[in-house]
Amino acid sequence: MELDVVDNKNARVGSIELSDEVFGGRVNTELIWESVVRANAAQRRGTHATKNRALVSGSGKKPWRQKGTGRARVGSIRNPLWRHGGTVFGPQPRSYEYTLPKKVELGALRAALAQKVKDGALVVVEQLSAEAIKTKAAVELLKRLGVTGKAVLVDVALDENLARSVRNVPGIAIVQSRRLTARDVMDAGRVIVTPGALAKLQEALG
């Protein structure tokens, strides 16, 4: 399998060979799902909290004596059974992050990239760089490469000028090849990658 390599003006300048082991075969959507769910869980803030009987305001004094009143016994107005009492087993601040086996993450990334290749949404660009920090120039570059919505730019080492030029463009992310995840790929309508980054990905996923 071969893909065309284009320059910044979207003109073909060569081609690159893709490994059938990485980009061929069945796309395992189950692995993609597991990786995306894990990435979403890791981004949850987890700052939710409820007050238990130790945290709600109110006296700790026993409202009335234990026996002789004819009413049910009670030890505190902060009892969870009472109005304005504490919450039992309510949500507390926590981290939702968890890890998956490395092979699952690599398999998910392999499947996500293979899906983009089948959809014709993977574009190989000779280089991803900018001469100056200009958002307008970066937007024009993306338009020439056929980017109309969300996209992820992948390179071995990020160009500082380009990274600062696209950081204000909605839906555009720029990622190093070693940090690319299945969620980054599936969240983008187009994947723009350099030949060097693609070679690194094929080496890691092969």
N, C-alpha and C. Protein backbone atom coordinates (compact mmCIF):
# COMPACT_ATOMS: atom_id res chain seq x y z
N MET A 1 0.84 -1.18 0.00
CA MET A 1 0.00 0.00 0.00
C MET A 1 0.89 1.24 0.00
N GLU A 2 0.56 2.21 -0.86
CA GLU A 2 1.33 3.44 -0.96
C GLU A 2 0.43 4.65 -0.77
N LEU A 3 1.01 5.70 -0.20
CA LEU A 3 0.32 6.98 -0.06
C LEU A 3 1.18 8.06 -0.68
N ASP A 4 0.50 9.04 -1.28
CA ASP A 4 1.23 10.17 -1.86
C ASP A 4 1.75 11.07 -0.75
N VAL A 5 2.92 11.63 -1.01
CA VAL A 5 3.49 12.66 -0.12
C VAL A 5 3.35 13.99 -0.81
N VAL A 6 2.75 14.97 -0.12
CA VAL A 6 2.52 16.29 -0.72
C VAL A 6 3.34 17.33 0.02
N ASP A 7 3.50 18.50 -0.62
CA ASP A 7 4.18 19.61 0.03
C ASP A 7 3.15 20.55 0.66
N ASN A 8 3.59 21.70 1.11
CA ASN A 8 2.69 22.64 1.78
C ASN A 8 1.64 23.24 0.85
N LYS A 9 1.83 23.07 -0.46
CA LYS A 9 0.86 23.58 -1.43
C LYS A 9 -0.04 22.46 -1.96
N ASN A 10 0.05 21.29 -1.32
CA ASN A 10 -0.75 20.11 -1.67
C ASN A 10 -0.40 19.57 -3.05
N ALA A 11 0.86 19.75 -3.46
CA ALA A 11 1.34 19.19 -4.72
C ALA A 11 2.14 17.93 -4.43
N ARG A 12 1.92 16.87 -5.22
CA ARG A 12 2.58 15.59 -4.97
C ARG A 12 4.08 15.72 -5.21
N VAL A 13 4.85 15.25 -4.24
CA VAL A 13 6.32 15.29 -4.36
C VAL A 13 6.94 13.90 -4.23
N GLY A 14 6.13 12.90 -3.98
CA GLY A 14 6.66 11.54 -3.84
C GLY A 14 5.61 10.61 -3.27
N SER A 15 6.08 9.47 -2.78
CA SER A 15 5.16 8.49 -2.18
C SER A 15 5.87 7.78 -1.04
N ILE A 16 5.07 7.13 -0.20
CA ILE A 16 5.62 6.40 0.93
C ILE A 16 4.91 5.06 1.04
N GLU A 17 5.69 4.03 1.38
CA GLU A 17 5.15 2.67 1.49
C GLU A 17 4.58 2.46 2.89
N LEU A 18 3.36 1.92 2.95
CA LEU A 18 2.72 1.62 4.22
C LEU A 18 2.78 0.12 4.49
N SER A 19 3.00 -0.22 5.73
CA SER A 19 3.07 -1.62 6.13
C SER A 19 1.67 -2.22 6.19
N ASP A 20 1.50 -3.37 5.53
CA ASP A 20 0.21 -4.06 5.58
C ASP A 20 -0.08 -4.60 6.98
N GLU A 21 0.97 -4.88 7.76
CA GLU A 21 0.78 -5.38 9.12
C GLU A 21 0.13 -4.32 10.01
N VAL A 22 0.44 -3.06 9.73
CA VAL A 22 -0.09 -1.97 10.55
C VAL A 22 -1.41 -1.45 10.00
N PHE A 23 -1.46 -1.21 8.70
CA PHE A 23 -2.61 -0.53 8.11
C PHE A 23 -3.54 -1.45 7.32
N GLY A 24 -3.20 -2.71 7.23
CA GLY A 24 -4.09 -3.65 6.54
C GLY A 24 -4.86 -4.50 7.53
N GLY A 25 -5.77 -5.29 7.02
CA GLY A 25 -6.53 -6.18 7.88
C GLY A 25 -7.75 -5.53 8.50
N ARG A 26 -8.38 -6.26 9.42
CA ARG A 26 -9.62 -5.82 10.06
C ARG A 26 -9.33 -4.74 11.09
N VAL A 27 -10.21 -3.75 11.15
CA VAL A 27 -10.10 -2.69 12.14
C VAL A 27 -10.81 -3.14 13.41
N ASN A 28 -10.06 -3.26 14.49
CA ASN A 28 -10.61 -3.73 15.76
C ASN A 28 -11.23 -2.55 16.51
N THR A 29 -12.53 -2.36 16.32
CA THR A 29 -13.22 -1.22 16.94
C THR A 29 -13.34 -1.37 18.45
N GLU A 30 -13.29 -2.61 18.96
CA GLU A 30 -13.38 -2.80 20.40
C GLU A 30 -12.17 -2.20 21.12
N LEU A 31 -11.00 -2.36 20.52
CA LEU A 31 -9.80 -1.78 21.12
C LEU A 31 -9.86 -0.25 21.10
N ILE A 32 -10.35 0.30 19.99
CA ILE A 32 -10.48 1.76 19.90
C ILE A 32 -11.41 2.26 21.00
N TRP A 33 -12.53 1.57 21.19
CA TRP A 33 -13.51 1.97 22.21
C TRP A 33 -12.86 1.96 23.59
N GLU A 34 -12.14 0.90 23.92
CA GLU A 34 -11.52 0.80 25.24
C GLU A 34 -10.52 1.93 25.46
N SER A 35 -9.72 2.26 24.45
CA SER A 35 -8.71 3.30 24.58
C SER A 35 -9.35 4.68 24.72
N VAL A 36 -10.40 4.94 23.95
CA VAL A 36 -11.07 6.24 24.01
C VAL A 36 -11.76 6.43 25.36
N VAL A 37 -12.41 5.40 25.86
CA VAL A 37 -13.07 5.48 27.17
C VAL A 37 -12.04 5.75 28.27
N ARG A 38 -10.89 5.08 28.19
CA ARG A 38 -9.83 5.31 29.18
C ARG A 38 -9.33 6.75 29.13
N ALA A 39 -9.13 7.28 27.91
CA ALA A 39 -8.65 8.65 27.76
C ALA A 39 -9.69 9.64 28.28
N ASN A 40 -10.96 9.39 28.02
CA ASN A 40 -12.02 10.27 28.52
C ASN A 40 -12.09 10.23 30.04
N ALA A 41 -11.94 9.04 30.62
CA ALA A 41 -11.98 8.90 32.07
C ALA A 41 -10.83 9.65 32.73
N ALA A 42 -9.66 9.62 32.09
CA ALA A 42 -8.49 10.30 32.66
C ALA A 42 -8.66 11.81 32.68
N GLN A 43 -9.52 12.34 31.80
CA GLN A 43 -9.73 13.78 31.73
C GLN A 43 -10.85 14.26 32.64
N ARG A 44 -11.56 13.36 33.29
CA ARG A 44 -12.62 13.77 34.21
C ARG A 44 -12.02 14.47 35.42
N ARG A 45 -12.64 15.56 35.84
CA ARG A 45 -12.10 16.33 36.96
C ARG A 45 -12.29 15.61 38.29
N GLY A 46 -13.41 14.96 38.46
CA GLY A 46 -13.66 14.21 39.69
C GLY A 46 -13.71 15.07 40.94
N THR A 47 -14.23 16.30 40.81
CA THR A 47 -14.27 17.20 41.97
C THR A 47 -15.62 17.21 42.67
N HIS A 48 -16.50 16.29 42.30
CA HIS A 48 -17.82 16.24 42.93
C HIS A 48 -17.69 15.86 44.40
N ALA A 49 -18.57 16.39 45.24
CA ALA A 49 -18.50 16.10 46.67
C ALA A 49 -19.85 16.35 47.32
N THR A 50 -20.19 15.54 48.29
CA THR A 50 -21.38 15.76 49.12
C THR A 50 -20.94 15.78 50.58
N LYS A 51 -21.76 16.39 51.42
CA LYS A 51 -21.42 16.50 52.83
C LYS A 51 -22.02 15.32 53.61
N ASN A 52 -21.17 14.65 54.36
CA ASN A 52 -21.68 13.60 55.23
C ASN A 52 -22.06 14.21 56.59
N ARG A 53 -22.43 13.41 57.56
CA ARG A 53 -22.93 13.92 58.83
C ARG A 53 -21.84 14.67 59.61
N ALA A 54 -20.59 14.44 59.26
CA ALA A 54 -19.52 15.15 59.94
C ALA A 54 -19.29 16.54 59.35
N LEU A 55 -19.81 16.79 58.15
CA LEU A 55 -19.53 18.05 57.46
C LEU A 55 -20.70 19.02 57.43
N VAL A 56 -21.94 18.51 57.55
CA VAL A 56 -23.09 19.42 57.49
C VAL A 56 -23.13 20.28 58.76
N SER A 57 -23.69 21.48 58.62
CA SER A 57 -23.76 22.38 59.77
C SER A 57 -24.87 21.93 60.72
N GLY A 58 -24.67 22.19 61.98
CA GLY A 58 -25.66 21.81 62.98
C GLY A 58 -25.00 21.35 64.26
N SER A 59 -25.76 21.35 65.32
CA SER A 59 -25.23 20.98 66.63
C SER A 59 -25.02 19.48 66.71
N GLY A 60 -24.12 19.09 67.56
CA GLY A 60 -23.91 17.67 67.83
C GLY A 60 -24.64 17.22 69.08
N LYS A 61 -25.41 18.13 69.64
CA LYS A 61 -26.13 17.81 70.89
C LYS A 61 -27.30 16.86 70.61
N LYS A 62 -27.56 15.99 71.55
CA LYS A 62 -28.71 15.09 71.44
C LYS A 62 -30.00 15.91 71.60
N PRO A 63 -30.92 15.87 70.60
CA PRO A 63 -32.11 16.75 70.63
C PRO A 63 -33.00 16.54 71.86
N TRP A 64 -33.20 15.32 72.27
CA TRP A 64 -33.99 15.03 73.48
C TRP A 64 -33.46 13.75 74.11
N ARG A 65 -33.93 13.51 75.33
CA ARG A 65 -33.39 12.36 76.05
C ARG A 65 -33.78 11.05 75.37
N GLN A 66 -33.05 10.01 75.68
CA GLN A 66 -33.20 8.73 74.99
C GLN A 66 -34.58 8.11 75.22
N LYS A 67 -35.09 8.17 76.45
CA LYS A 67 -36.35 7.48 76.78
C LYS A 67 -37.35 8.44 77.41
N GLY A 68 -38.61 8.07 77.34
CA GLY A 68 -39.64 8.78 78.07
C GLY A 68 -40.38 9.85 77.31
N THR A 69 -39.99 10.19 76.07
CA THR A 69 -40.68 11.26 75.34
C THR A 69 -41.74 10.70 74.40
N GLY A 70 -41.69 9.41 74.12
CA GLY A 70 -42.63 8.81 73.17
C GLY A 70 -42.20 8.97 71.72
N ARG A 71 -41.13 9.69 71.51
CA ARG A 71 -40.62 9.85 70.14
C ARG A 71 -39.47 8.89 69.88
N ALA A 72 -39.17 8.74 68.63
CA ALA A 72 -38.07 7.84 68.26
C ALA A 72 -36.75 8.39 68.80
N ARG A 73 -35.86 7.50 69.18
CA ARG A 73 -34.56 7.91 69.70
C ARG A 73 -33.72 8.51 68.56
N VAL A 74 -32.98 9.52 68.88
CA VAL A 74 -32.12 10.17 67.89
C VAL A 74 -30.95 10.80 68.61
N GLY A 75 -29.78 10.78 67.98
CA GLY A 75 -28.59 11.28 68.65
C GLY A 75 -28.10 12.61 68.14
N SER A 76 -28.56 13.03 66.94
CA SER A 76 -28.05 14.29 66.37
C SER A 76 -29.00 14.77 65.28
N ILE A 77 -29.11 16.09 65.15
CA ILE A 77 -29.94 16.63 64.07
C ILE A 77 -29.26 16.48 62.72
N ARG A 78 -28.00 16.06 62.73
CA ARG A 78 -27.28 15.84 61.47
C ARG A 78 -27.42 14.41 60.97
N ASN A 79 -28.33 13.68 61.60
CA ASN A 79 -28.62 12.30 61.20
C ASN A 79 -29.04 12.26 59.72
N PRO A 80 -28.52 11.34 58.91
CA PRO A 80 -28.89 11.26 57.50
C PRO A 80 -30.38 11.06 57.26
N LEU A 81 -31.12 10.56 58.26
CA LEU A 81 -32.55 10.34 58.10
C LEU A 81 -33.34 11.64 58.21
N TRP A 82 -32.72 12.67 58.72
CA TRP A 82 -33.39 13.94 58.91
C TRP A 82 -33.16 14.89 57.73
N ARG A 83 -34.14 15.82 57.57
CA ARG A 83 -33.96 16.88 56.59
C ARG A 83 -32.75 17.73 56.99
N HIS A 84 -31.95 18.10 56.00
CA HIS A 84 -30.69 18.83 56.21
C HIS A 84 -29.63 17.97 56.89
N GLY A 85 -29.85 16.68 56.96
CA GLY A 85 -28.84 15.80 57.53
C GLY A 85 -27.77 15.47 56.50
N GLY A 86 -26.81 14.68 56.94
CA GLY A 86 -25.71 14.31 56.04
C GLY A 86 -26.15 13.31 54.99
N THR A 87 -25.33 13.18 53.95
CA THR A 87 -25.58 12.23 52.86
C THR A 87 -24.78 10.96 53.11
N VAL A 88 -25.45 9.83 52.94
CA VAL A 88 -24.79 8.54 53.16
C VAL A 88 -24.19 8.04 51.85
N PHE A 89 -22.91 7.73 51.88
CA PHE A 89 -22.22 7.16 50.72
C PHE A 89 -22.35 8.05 49.47
N GLY A 90 -22.32 9.35 49.64
CA GLY A 90 -22.38 10.26 48.51
C GLY A 90 -21.06 10.31 47.76
N PRO A 91 -21.04 10.89 46.56
CA PRO A 91 -19.80 10.99 45.79
C PRO A 91 -18.78 11.89 46.48
N GLN A 92 -17.54 11.48 46.44
CA GLN A 92 -16.43 12.25 47.02
C GLN A 92 -15.36 12.47 45.94
N PRO A 93 -14.52 13.50 46.10
CA PRO A 93 -13.47 13.74 45.09
C PRO A 93 -12.63 12.50 44.86
N ARG A 94 -12.41 12.18 43.61
CA ARG A 94 -11.64 10.98 43.26
C ARG A 94 -11.10 11.12 41.85
N SER A 95 -10.15 10.29 41.51
CA SER A 95 -9.61 10.24 40.16
C SER A 95 -10.22 9.06 39.42
N TYR A 96 -10.66 9.31 38.20
CA TYR A 96 -11.25 8.24 37.39
C TYR A 96 -10.21 7.58 36.48
N GLU A 97 -8.98 8.00 36.60
CA GLU A 97 -7.95 7.50 35.69
C GLU A 97 -7.61 6.04 35.99
N TYR A 98 -7.37 5.28 34.93
CA TYR A 98 -6.90 3.91 35.06
C TYR A 98 -6.03 3.60 33.85
N THR A 99 -5.33 2.51 33.90
CA THR A 99 -4.41 2.17 32.81
C THR A 99 -4.89 0.91 32.10
N LEU A 100 -4.52 0.83 30.84
CA LEU A 100 -4.77 -0.36 30.03
C LEU A 100 -3.43 -1.00 29.70
N PRO A 101 -3.42 -2.28 29.38
CA PRO A 101 -2.16 -2.91 28.94
C PRO A 101 -1.60 -2.18 27.71
N LYS A 102 -0.28 -2.13 27.64
CA LYS A 102 0.37 -1.39 26.56
C LYS A 102 -0.03 -1.95 25.19
N LYS A 103 -0.20 -3.26 25.11
CA LYS A 103 -0.58 -3.87 23.83
C LYS A 103 -1.98 -3.42 23.39
N VAL A 104 -2.86 -3.19 24.35
CA VAL A 104 -4.20 -2.72 24.02
C VAL A 104 -4.14 -1.31 23.46
N GLU A 105 -3.34 -0.43 24.08
CA GLU A 105 -3.20 0.94 23.60
C GLU A 105 -2.59 0.98 22.21
N LEU A 106 -1.56 0.19 22.00
CA LEU A 106 -0.92 0.15 20.68
C LEU A 106 -1.86 -0.43 19.62
N GLY A 107 -2.60 -1.47 20.01
CA GLY A 107 -3.57 -2.04 19.08
C GLY A 107 -4.67 -1.07 18.72
N ALA A 108 -5.11 -0.27 19.69
CA ALA A 108 -6.14 0.73 19.44
C ALA A 108 -5.63 1.81 18.48
N LEU A 109 -4.39 2.27 18.69
CA LEU A 109 -3.81 3.29 17.81
C LEU A 109 -3.63 2.74 16.39
N ARG A 110 -3.20 1.48 16.32
CA ARG A 110 -3.03 0.84 15.01
C ARG A 110 -4.37 0.76 14.27
N ALA A 111 -5.42 0.38 14.99
CA ALA A 111 -6.74 0.27 14.37
C ALA A 111 -7.28 1.63 13.96
N ALA A 112 -7.05 2.65 14.79
CA ALA A 112 -7.54 4.00 14.48
C ALA A 112 -6.86 4.55 13.22
N LEU A 113 -5.55 4.36 13.12
CA LEU A 113 -4.83 4.83 11.93
C LEU A 113 -5.26 4.06 10.68
N ALA A 114 -5.46 2.75 10.85
CA ALA A 114 -5.91 1.94 9.72
C ALA A 114 -7.27 2.40 9.21
N GLN A 115 -8.15 2.79 10.13
CA GLN A 115 -9.47 3.29 9.75
C GLN A 115 -9.35 4.59 8.97
N LYS A 116 -8.46 5.48 9.41
CA LYS A 116 -8.28 6.75 8.71
C LYS A 116 -7.71 6.53 7.30
N VAL A 117 -6.82 5.55 7.16
CA VAL A 117 -6.28 5.24 5.84
C VAL A 117 -7.38 4.72 4.93
N LYS A 118 -8.25 3.85 5.45
CA LYS A 118 -9.34 3.32 4.64
C LYS A 118 -10.34 4.41 4.25
N ASP A 119 -10.50 5.41 5.14
CA ASP A 119 -11.42 6.51 4.86
C ASP A 119 -10.80 7.58 3.97
N GLY A 120 -9.51 7.44 3.68
CA GLY A 120 -8.83 8.45 2.88
C GLY A 120 -8.63 9.75 3.64
N ALA A 121 -8.55 9.67 4.96
CA ALA A 121 -8.44 10.86 5.80
C ALA A 121 -7.04 11.06 6.36
N LEU A 122 -6.07 10.28 5.90
CA LEU A 122 -4.69 10.45 6.35
C LEU A 122 -3.88 11.10 5.24
N VAL A 123 -3.28 12.25 5.54
CA VAL A 123 -2.52 13.01 4.56
C VAL A 123 -1.07 13.07 5.01
N VAL A 124 -0.16 12.70 4.11
CA VAL A 124 1.27 12.74 4.42
C VAL A 124 1.85 14.00 3.80
N VAL A 125 2.40 14.87 4.66
CA VAL A 125 2.95 16.15 4.22
C VAL A 125 4.47 16.11 4.39
N GLU A 126 5.15 16.67 3.43
CA GLU A 126 6.61 16.65 3.42
C GLU A 126 7.20 17.20 4.72
N GLN A 127 6.66 18.32 5.20
CA GLN A 127 7.09 18.87 6.48
C GLN A 127 5.99 19.75 7.06
N LEU A 128 5.97 19.81 8.37
CA LEU A 128 5.00 20.65 9.08
C LEU A 128 5.78 21.73 9.83
N SER A 129 5.85 22.90 9.22
CA SER A 129 6.60 23.99 9.82
C SER A 129 6.02 25.31 9.34
N ALA A 130 6.38 26.38 10.04
CA ALA A 130 5.94 27.72 9.68
C ALA A 130 7.12 28.68 9.83
N GLU A 131 7.19 29.64 8.91
CA GLU A 131 8.30 30.60 8.96
C GLU A 131 8.12 31.60 10.08
N ALA A 132 6.87 31.91 10.41
CA ALA A 132 6.59 32.88 11.46
C ALA A 132 5.35 32.45 12.22
N ILE A 133 5.11 33.09 13.36
CA ILE A 133 3.94 32.78 14.18
C ILE A 133 2.77 33.61 13.64
N LYS A 134 2.01 33.01 12.72
CA LYS A 134 0.87 33.69 12.12
C LYS A 134 -0.29 32.71 11.98
N THR A 135 -1.35 32.98 12.69
CA THR A 135 -2.51 32.09 12.64
C THR A 135 -3.14 32.08 11.25
N LYS A 136 -3.19 33.23 10.60
CA LYS A 136 -3.80 33.33 9.27
C LYS A 136 -3.06 32.44 8.28
N ALA A 137 -1.73 32.45 8.32
CA ALA A 137 -0.95 31.61 7.41
C ALA A 137 -1.16 30.13 7.71
N ALA A 138 -1.29 29.79 8.99
CA ALA A 138 -1.52 28.39 9.36
C ALA A 138 -2.88 27.92 8.88
N VAL A 139 -3.91 28.78 8.99
CA VAL A 139 -5.25 28.43 8.52
C VAL A 139 -5.25 28.21 7.00
N GLU A 140 -4.53 29.05 6.28
CA GLU A 140 -4.44 28.89 4.82
C GLU A 140 -3.73 27.59 4.45
N LEU A 141 -2.69 27.23 5.22
CA LEU A 141 -2.00 25.96 4.99
C LEU A 141 -2.94 24.79 5.19
N LEU A 142 -3.74 24.82 6.25
CA LEU A 142 -4.68 23.74 6.52
C LEU A 142 -5.74 23.63 5.44
N LYS A 143 -6.20 24.77 4.92
CA LYS A 143 -7.19 24.75 3.84
C LYS A 143 -6.61 24.10 2.58
N ARG A 144 -5.35 24.41 2.28
CA ARG A 144 -4.72 23.80 1.09
C ARG A 144 -4.59 22.30 1.24
N LEU A 145 -4.47 21.83 2.48
CA LEU A 145 -4.35 20.39 2.73
C LEU A 145 -5.70 19.70 2.87
N GLY A 146 -6.78 20.46 2.66
CA GLY A 146 -8.12 19.88 2.69
C GLY A 146 -8.75 19.77 4.06
N VAL A 147 -8.22 20.49 5.04
CA VAL A 147 -8.77 20.45 6.40
C VAL A 147 -9.92 21.45 6.49
N THR A 148 -11.11 20.96 6.81
CA THR A 148 -12.29 21.83 6.94
C THR A 148 -12.87 21.81 8.36
N GLY A 149 -12.55 20.81 9.13
CA GLY A 149 -13.06 20.71 10.50
C GLY A 149 -11.95 20.38 11.46
N LYS A 150 -12.18 19.36 12.27
CA LYS A 150 -11.16 18.94 13.23
C LYS A 150 -10.02 18.20 12.52
N ALA A 151 -8.82 18.42 13.03
CA ALA A 151 -7.65 17.74 12.46
C ALA A 151 -6.58 17.63 13.53
N VAL A 152 -5.72 16.62 13.37
CA VAL A 152 -4.57 16.46 14.26
C VAL A 152 -3.32 16.45 13.40
N LEU A 153 -2.34 17.26 13.77
CA LEU A 153 -1.06 17.35 13.07
C LEU A 153 -0.04 16.54 13.86
N VAL A 154 0.65 15.63 13.17
CA VAL A 154 1.57 14.72 13.85
C VAL A 154 2.97 14.86 13.26
N ASP A 155 3.95 15.09 14.13
CA ASP A 155 5.34 15.20 13.70
C ASP A 155 6.22 14.58 14.77
N VAL A 156 7.46 14.27 14.40
CA VAL A 156 8.39 13.69 15.38
C VAL A 156 8.74 14.73 16.43
N ALA A 157 9.12 15.91 15.98
CA ALA A 157 9.39 17.04 16.88
C ALA A 157 8.55 18.21 16.41
N LEU A 158 7.86 18.86 17.32
CA LEU A 158 6.94 19.92 16.95
C LEU A 158 7.68 21.20 16.59
N ASP A 159 7.23 21.83 15.52
CA ASP A 159 7.75 23.13 15.14
C ASP A 159 7.09 24.20 16.02
N GLU A 160 7.90 24.97 16.73
CA GLU A 160 7.38 25.93 17.70
C GLU A 160 6.50 26.99 17.04
N ASN A 161 6.93 27.48 15.88
CA ASN A 161 6.15 28.52 15.19
C ASN A 161 4.78 28.00 14.78
N LEU A 162 4.74 26.78 14.24
CA LEU A 162 3.47 26.21 13.81
C LEU A 162 2.58 25.89 15.01
N ALA A 163 3.19 25.36 16.07
CA ALA A 163 2.41 25.02 17.26
C ALA A 163 1.74 26.26 17.85
N ARG A 164 2.45 27.38 17.88
CA ARG A 164 1.88 28.61 18.43
C ARG A 164 0.91 29.25 17.45
N SER A 165 1.04 28.93 16.16
CA SER A 165 0.14 29.51 15.16
C SER A 165 -1.23 28.84 15.17
N VAL A 166 -1.27 27.54 15.49
CA VAL A 166 -2.55 26.80 15.41
C VAL A 166 -3.23 26.63 16.76
N ARG A 167 -2.60 27.11 17.84
CA ARG A 167 -3.18 26.84 19.15
C ARG A 167 -4.49 27.58 19.38
N ASN A 168 -4.74 28.63 18.60
CA ASN A 168 -6.01 29.36 18.72
C ASN A 168 -7.04 28.93 17.67
N VAL A 169 -6.68 27.97 16.83
CA VAL A 169 -7.60 27.50 15.78
C VAL A 169 -8.47 26.39 16.38
N PRO A 170 -9.79 26.58 16.41
CA PRO A 170 -10.68 25.57 17.01
C PRO A 170 -10.58 24.22 16.29
N GLY A 171 -10.50 23.15 17.06
CA GLY A 171 -10.52 21.81 16.48
C GLY A 171 -9.20 21.32 15.94
N ILE A 172 -8.13 22.11 16.04
CA ILE A 172 -6.83 21.70 15.52
C ILE A 172 -5.90 21.36 16.69
N ALA A 173 -5.32 20.18 16.64
CA ALA A 173 -4.37 19.75 17.67
C ALA A 173 -3.06 19.36 16.99
N ILE A 174 -1.96 19.61 17.66
CA ILE A 174 -0.65 19.23 17.13
C ILE A 174 0.03 18.36 18.18
N VAL A 175 0.45 17.16 17.78
CA VAL A 175 0.92 16.14 18.72
C VAL A 175 2.20 15.51 18.20
N GLN A 176 3.10 15.18 19.13
CA GLN A 176 4.27 14.40 18.76
C GLN A 176 3.87 12.96 18.49
N SER A 177 4.57 12.32 17.58
CA SER A 177 4.20 10.95 17.19
C SER A 177 4.26 9.98 18.37
N ARG A 178 5.19 10.19 19.30
CA ARG A 178 5.30 9.27 20.44
C ARG A 178 4.20 9.48 21.47
N ARG A 179 3.45 10.59 21.37
CA ARG A 179 2.37 10.87 22.30
C ARG A 179 0.98 10.70 21.67
N LEU A 180 0.93 10.28 20.43
CA LEU A 180 -0.34 10.13 19.73
C LEU A 180 -1.15 8.99 20.33
N THR A 181 -2.45 9.22 20.51
CA THR A 181 -3.34 8.18 21.05
C THR A 181 -4.49 7.93 20.06
N ALA A 182 -5.19 6.83 20.30
CA ALA A 182 -6.34 6.50 19.46
C ALA A 182 -7.42 7.57 19.56
N ARG A 183 -7.56 8.18 20.72
CA ARG A 183 -8.56 9.23 20.90
C ARG A 183 -8.23 10.45 20.04
N ASP A 184 -6.94 10.82 19.98
CA ASP A 184 -6.52 11.93 19.14
C ASP A 184 -6.90 11.68 17.68
N VAL A 185 -6.68 10.45 17.23
CA VAL A 185 -6.94 10.10 15.83
C VAL A 185 -8.44 10.08 15.54
N MET A 186 -9.22 9.44 16.41
CA MET A 186 -10.64 9.29 16.15
C MET A 186 -11.41 10.60 16.34
N ASP A 187 -10.85 11.52 17.11
CA ASP A 187 -11.52 12.80 17.34
C ASP A 187 -11.28 13.77 16.19
N ALA A 188 -10.43 13.40 15.25
CA ALA A 188 -10.08 14.30 14.14
C ALA A 188 -10.71 13.81 12.84
N GLY A 189 -11.16 14.76 12.04
CA GLY A 189 -11.67 14.40 10.72
C GLY A 189 -10.55 14.07 9.75
N ARG A 190 -9.38 14.70 9.96
CA ARG A 190 -8.23 14.46 9.10
C ARG A 190 -6.98 14.33 9.96
N VAL A 191 -6.09 13.43 9.56
CA VAL A 191 -4.81 13.25 10.24
C VAL A 191 -3.71 13.68 9.28
N ILE A 192 -2.98 14.74 9.65
CA ILE A 192 -1.88 15.26 8.84
C ILE A 192 -0.59 14.81 9.49
N VAL A 193 0.22 14.04 8.77
CA VAL A 193 1.41 13.44 9.36
C VAL A 193 2.60 13.60 8.42
N THR A 194 3.79 13.74 9.00
CA THR A 194 5.01 13.84 8.20
C THR A 194 5.55 12.43 7.94
N PRO A 195 6.36 12.26 6.89
CA PRO A 195 6.94 10.93 6.63
C PRO A 195 7.75 10.40 7.80
N GLY A 196 8.50 11.28 8.48
CA GLY A 196 9.28 10.84 9.63
C GLY A 196 8.41 10.32 10.76
N ALA A 197 7.32 11.04 11.03
CA ALA A 197 6.41 10.61 12.09
C ALA A 197 5.71 9.30 11.71
N LEU A 198 5.36 9.17 10.43
CA LEU A 198 4.70 7.94 9.98
C LEU A 198 5.64 6.75 10.10
N ALA A 199 6.92 6.97 9.81
CA ALA A 199 7.91 5.89 9.94
C ALA A 199 8.05 5.49 11.41
N LYS A 200 8.07 6.47 12.31
CA LYS A 200 8.16 6.17 13.74
C LYS A 200 6.94 5.39 14.22
N LEU A 201 5.76 5.77 13.74
CA LEU A 201 4.54 5.07 14.13
C LEU A 201 4.54 3.64 13.61
N GLN A 202 4.96 3.45 12.35
CA GLN A 202 5.00 2.09 11.80
C GLN A 202 5.99 1.21 12.57
N GLU A 203 7.09 1.81 12.99
CA GLU A 203 8.09 1.06 13.75
C GLU A 203 7.55 0.65 15.11
N ALA A 204 6.81 1.56 15.75
CA ALA A 204 6.27 1.28 17.08
C ALA A 204 5.09 0.31 17.03
N LEU A 205 4.30 0.37 15.97
CA LEU A 205 3.09 -0.43 15.89
C LEU A 205 3.26 -1.74 15.14
N GLY A 206 4.37 -1.88 14.45
CA GLY A 206 4.59 -3.09 13.64
C GLY A 206 4.84 -4.33 14.47
